Structures are given as C-alpha cells and as structure tokens.
Amino acid sequence: KLQEKYYETEGVELDSELERVTYYYKYLKDGLVSLLTVSSDFYYYCAHELHDAMEGVGTDEEAVTRIIATRADKDLGNIKEVFSDAFGETLRSFVQGDTSGDYEEILVALIGLLKVLVIV
C-alpha cells in the first residue's frame, strides 16, 4: 500500500527511487529495502531471510532461531508456504539439509509443531 500510494503521488516506483537516492550508500540502501520488504510482505521477508541464513557454507543460527522460534503458529505456517513457493523445497527439508544434531531436531520440531497442533 505504501508503494502504491507513493507511485500515485510521485509517479515513480518507491523501490526505484530508493535505489537512485542511495546508490552510493550500500548499507543504507540495504536497510531501507529491507524495511520496505517487511512492510510490504512480512512472510516473503521471513522466508527469504531464512533461505539467506542457510544458503551456502555455514548457517546464521541467530537469524534462523529468531525467525522460527518467535513466530506464532499462524505466521510460521504462512512462512512455510511462501518458502516452498519461492524455493521449491519445504522449509523442513531445507533445515534438515543445513543443520544437524540437537539444533536440527529442535528446529524440525518447531516447524512440525503446527501440524501437531492442528491434528489435536
């Protein structure tokens, strides 16, 4: 809605304008784009943050834990759906492929908790 309103009043896309204004300030641009993304589609933002935190070598365990452990069941269900749509793989299988041990078991239990709660 913010982006639509900006376009209506200014005649240019907000993300394009942010790109232009912050061209020489990468960190400022990244922060503003993140804020814009969160305000536009929170589930999309969380799904991509999770993917980025686990993609490649190493895992940003703080980011993964923050998102998975602190989302309400409804939020996590939506995040799982967006994750699958965006990356063609379930969040559970991605976590299992990137983590191990007790940490993996806890994350998988949290991700699967939604199913258990719905069945009961």
C-alpha atoms as a PDB file:
ATOM      1  CA  LYS A   1       0.000   0.000   0.000  1.00  0.00           C
ATOM      2  CA  LEU A   2       2.856   2.355   0.787  1.00  0.00           C
ATOM      3  CA  GLN A   3       4.435   1.627  -2.579  1.00  0.00           C
ATOM      4  CA  GLU A   4       1.112   2.130  -4.385  1.00  0.00           C
ATOM      5  CA  LYS A   5       0.472   5.446  -2.623  1.00  0.00           C
ATOM      6  CA  TYR A   6       3.989   6.648  -3.424  1.00  0.00           C
ATOM      7  CA  TYR A   7       3.531   5.775  -7.097  1.00  0.00           C
ATOM      8  CA  GLU A   8       0.179   7.590  -7.187  1.00  0.00           C
ATOM      9  CA  THR A   9       1.629  10.773  -5.708  1.00  0.00           C
ATOM     10  CA  GLU A  10       5.138  10.792  -7.214  1.00  0.00           C
ATOM     11  CA  GLY A  11       4.714   8.872 -10.469  1.00  0.00           C
ATOM     12  CA  VAL A  12       7.732   6.623  -9.852  1.00  0.00           C
ATOM     13  CA  GLU A  13       8.202   3.299  -8.076  1.00  0.00           C
ATOM     14  CA  LEU A  14       9.370   3.669  -4.473  1.00  0.00           C
ATOM     15  CA  ASP A  15      11.989   0.936  -4.726  1.00  0.00           C
ATOM     16  CA  SER A  16      13.449   2.554  -7.877  1.00  0.00           C
ATOM     17  CA  GLU A  17      13.605   5.897  -6.126  1.00  0.00           C
ATOM     18  CA  LEU A  18      15.318   4.361  -3.088  1.00  0.00           C
ATOM     19  CA  GLU A  19      17.823   2.728  -5.416  1.00  0.00           C
ATOM     20  CA  ARG A  20      18.571   6.072  -7.055  1.00  0.00           C
ATOM     21  CA  VAL A  21      18.834   8.069  -3.835  1.00  0.00           C
ATOM     22  CA  THR A  22      21.033   5.550  -2.020  1.00  0.00           C
ATOM     23  CA  TYR A  23      23.222   4.499  -4.946  1.00  0.00           C
ATOM     24  CA  TYR A  24      26.468   5.342  -3.138  1.00  0.00           C
ATOM     25  CA  TYR A  25      25.305   4.173   0.303  1.00  0.00           C
ATOM     26  CA  LYS A  26      25.005   0.385   0.088  1.00  0.00           C
ATOM     27  CA  TYR A  27      24.220  -0.261   3.764  1.00  0.00           C
ATOM     28  CA  LEU A  28      21.602   2.460   3.891  1.00  0.00           C
ATOM     29  CA  LYS A  29      20.050   1.101   0.705  1.00  0.00           C
ATOM     30  CA  ASP A  30      20.007  -2.467   2.050  1.00  0.00           C
ATOM     31  CA  GLY A  31      18.363  -1.312   5.268  1.00  0.00           C
ATOM     32  CA  LEU A  32      15.705   0.730   3.501  1.00  0.00           C
ATOM     33  CA  VAL A  33      14.947  -2.060   1.039  1.00  0.00           C
ATOM     34  CA  SER A  34      14.592  -4.495   3.956  1.00  0.00           C
ATOM     35  CA  LEU A  35      12.192  -2.146   5.737  1.00  0.00           C
ATOM     36  CA  LEU A  36      10.179  -1.735   2.561  1.00  0.00           C
ATOM     37  CA  THR A  37      10.048  -5.500   2.046  1.00  0.00           C
ATOM     38  CA  VAL A  38       8.981  -6.165   5.639  1.00  0.00           C
ATOM     39  CA  SER A  39       6.220  -3.586   5.399  1.00  0.00           C
ATOM     40  CA  SER A  40       5.054  -4.937   2.029  1.00  0.00           C
ATOM     41  CA  ASP A  41       5.118  -8.700   2.648  1.00  0.00           C
ATOM     42  CA  PHE A  42       6.290  -9.914   6.038  1.00  0.00           C
ATOM     43  CA  TYR A  43       6.064 -13.641   5.177  1.00  0.00           C
ATOM     44  CA  TYR A  44       8.101 -13.147   1.997  1.00  0.00           C
ATOM     45  CA  TYR A  45      10.707 -11.277   4.017  1.00  0.00           C
ATOM     46  CA  CYS A  46      10.948 -14.045   6.652  1.00  0.00           C
ATOM     47  CA  ALA A  47      11.136 -16.826   4.051  1.00  0.00           C
ATOM     48  CA  HIS A  48      13.966 -15.078   2.221  1.00  0.00           C
ATOM     49  CA  GLU A  49      15.793 -14.268   5.455  1.00  0.00           C
ATOM     50  CA  LEU A  50      15.651 -17.954   6.384  1.00  0.00           C
ATOM     51  CA  HIS A  51      16.878 -19.021   2.967  1.00  0.00           C
ATOM     52  CA  ASP A  52      19.716 -16.488   3.004  1.00  0.00           C
ATOM     53  CA  ALA A  53      20.696 -17.547   6.530  1.00  0.00           C
ATOM     54  CA  MET A  54      21.098 -21.196   5.463  1.00  0.00           C
ATOM     55  CA  GLU A  55      22.213 -20.909   1.847  1.00  0.00           C
ATOM     56  CA  GLY A  56      25.827 -21.710   1.039  1.00  0.00           C
ATOM     57  CA  VAL A  57      28.556 -22.511   3.538  1.00  0.00           C
ATOM     58  CA  GLY A  58      27.673 -22.003   7.184  1.00  0.00           C
ATOM     59  CA  THR A  59      24.428 -21.092   8.861  1.00  0.00           C
ATOM     60  CA  ASP A  60      23.391 -17.858  10.526  1.00  0.00           C
ATOM     61  CA  GLU A  61      21.919 -19.702  13.509  1.00  0.00           C
ATOM     62  CA  GLU A  62      20.846 -16.491  15.216  1.00  0.00           C
ATOM     63  CA  ALA A  63      18.673 -15.470  12.258  1.00  0.00           C
ATOM     64  CA  VAL A  64      17.202 -18.960  11.825  1.00  0.00           C
ATOM     65  CA  THR A  65      16.404 -19.294  15.528  1.00  0.00           C
ATOM     66  CA  ARG A  66      14.958 -15.780  15.755  1.00  0.00           C
ATOM     67  CA  ILE A  67      12.515 -16.362  12.911  1.00  0.00           C
ATOM     68  CA  ILE A  68      11.465 -19.951  13.599  1.00  0.00           C
ATOM     69  CA  ALA A  69      11.278 -19.763  17.387  1.00  0.00           C
ATOM     70  CA  THR A  70       9.493 -16.428  17.645  1.00  0.00           C
ATOM     71  CA  ARG A  71       6.773 -16.709  15.004  1.00  0.00           C
ATOM     72  CA  ALA A  72       3.263 -17.596  16.063  1.00  0.00           C
ATOM     73  CA  ASP A  73       1.859 -20.803  14.613  1.00  0.00           C
ATOM     74  CA  LYS A  74      -0.144 -18.896  12.004  1.00  0.00           C
ATOM     75  CA  ASP A  75       2.882 -16.854  10.936  1.00  0.00           C
ATOM     76  CA  LEU A  76       5.103 -19.914  10.687  1.00  0.00           C
ATOM     77  CA  GLY A  77       2.501 -21.702   8.565  1.00  0.00           C
ATOM     78  CA  ASN A  78       2.424 -18.776   6.132  1.00  0.00           C
ATOM     79  CA  ILE A  79       6.217 -18.517   6.117  1.00  0.00           C
ATOM     80  CA  LYS A  80       6.485 -22.239   5.323  1.00  0.00           C
ATOM     81  CA  GLU A  81       4.059 -21.831   2.429  1.00  0.00           C
ATOM     82  CA  VAL A  82       5.887 -18.821   0.972  1.00  0.00           C
ATOM     83  CA  PHE A  83       9.225 -20.603   1.425  1.00  0.00           C
ATOM     84  CA  SER A  84       8.026 -23.644  -0.537  1.00  0.00           C
ATOM     85  CA  ASP A  85       6.560 -21.482  -3.292  1.00  0.00           C
ATOM     86  CA  ALA A  86       9.694 -19.340  -3.585  1.00  0.00           C
ATOM     87  CA  PHE A  87      12.367 -22.045  -3.378  1.00  0.00           C
ATOM     88  CA  GLY A  88      10.654 -25.257  -4.478  1.00  0.00           C
ATOM     89  CA  GLU A  89      11.593 -27.045  -1.266  1.00  0.00           C
ATOM     90  CA  THR A  90       9.943 -27.283   2.117  1.00  0.00           C
ATOM     91  CA  LEU A  91      11.391 -25.295   4.976  1.00  0.00           C
ATOM     92  CA  ARG A  92      11.680 -28.517   6.941  1.00  0.00           C
ATOM     93  CA  SER A  93      13.803 -30.269   4.291  1.00  0.00           C
ATOM     94  CA  PHE A  94      15.961 -27.173   3.842  1.00  0.00           C
ATOM     95  CA  VAL A  95      16.596 -27.025   7.604  1.00  0.00           C
ATOM     96  CA  GLN A  96      17.364 -30.747   7.704  1.00  0.00           C
ATOM     97  CA  GLY A  97      19.869 -30.344   4.886  1.00  0.00           C
ATOM     98  CA  ASP A  98      21.649 -27.432   6.526  1.00  0.00           C
ATOM     99  CA  THR A  99      21.670 -28.215  10.250  1.00  0.00           C
ATOM    100  CA  SER A 100      22.447 -31.221  12.427  1.00  0.00           C
ATOM    101  CA  GLY A 101      22.248 -32.651  15.912  1.00  0.00           C
ATOM    102  CA  ASP A 102      20.082 -31.250  18.666  1.00  0.00           C
ATOM    103  CA  TYR A 103      19.752 -27.924  16.880  1.00  0.00           C
ATOM    104  CA  GLU A 104      18.236 -29.634  13.832  1.00  0.00           C
ATOM    105  CA  GLU A 105      15.866 -31.682  15.990  1.00  0.00           C
ATOM    106  CA  ILE A 106      14.601 -28.592  17.823  1.00  0.00           C
ATOM    107  CA  LEU A 107      14.047 -26.619  14.609  1.00  0.00           C
ATOM    108  CA  VAL A 108      12.281 -29.530  12.900  1.00  0.00           C
ATOM    109  CA  ALA A 109      10.077 -29.992  15.981  1.00  0.00           C
ATOM    110  CA  LEU A 110       9.155 -26.290  15.934  1.00  0.00           C
ATOM    111  CA  ILE A 111       8.449 -26.371  12.204  1.00  0.00           C
ATOM    112  CA  GLY A 112       6.337 -29.519  12.606  1.00  0.00           C
ATOM    113  CA  LEU A 113       4.545 -28.214  15.685  1.00  0.00           C
ATOM    114  CA  LEU A 114       1.892 -26.560  13.544  1.00  0.00           C
ATOM    115  CA  LYS A 115       0.760 -29.947  12.166  1.00  0.00           C
ATOM    116  CA  VAL A 116       0.589 -31.468  15.653  1.00  0.00           C
ATOM    117  CA  LEU A 117      -1.494 -28.585  16.966  1.00  0.00           C
ATOM    118  CA  VAL A 118      -3.895 -28.724  14.029  1.00  0.00           C
ATOM    119  CA  ILE A 119      -4.420 -32.508  14.290  1.00  0.00           C
ATOM    120  CA  VAL A 120      -5.187 -32.432  18.015  1.00  0.00           C
END
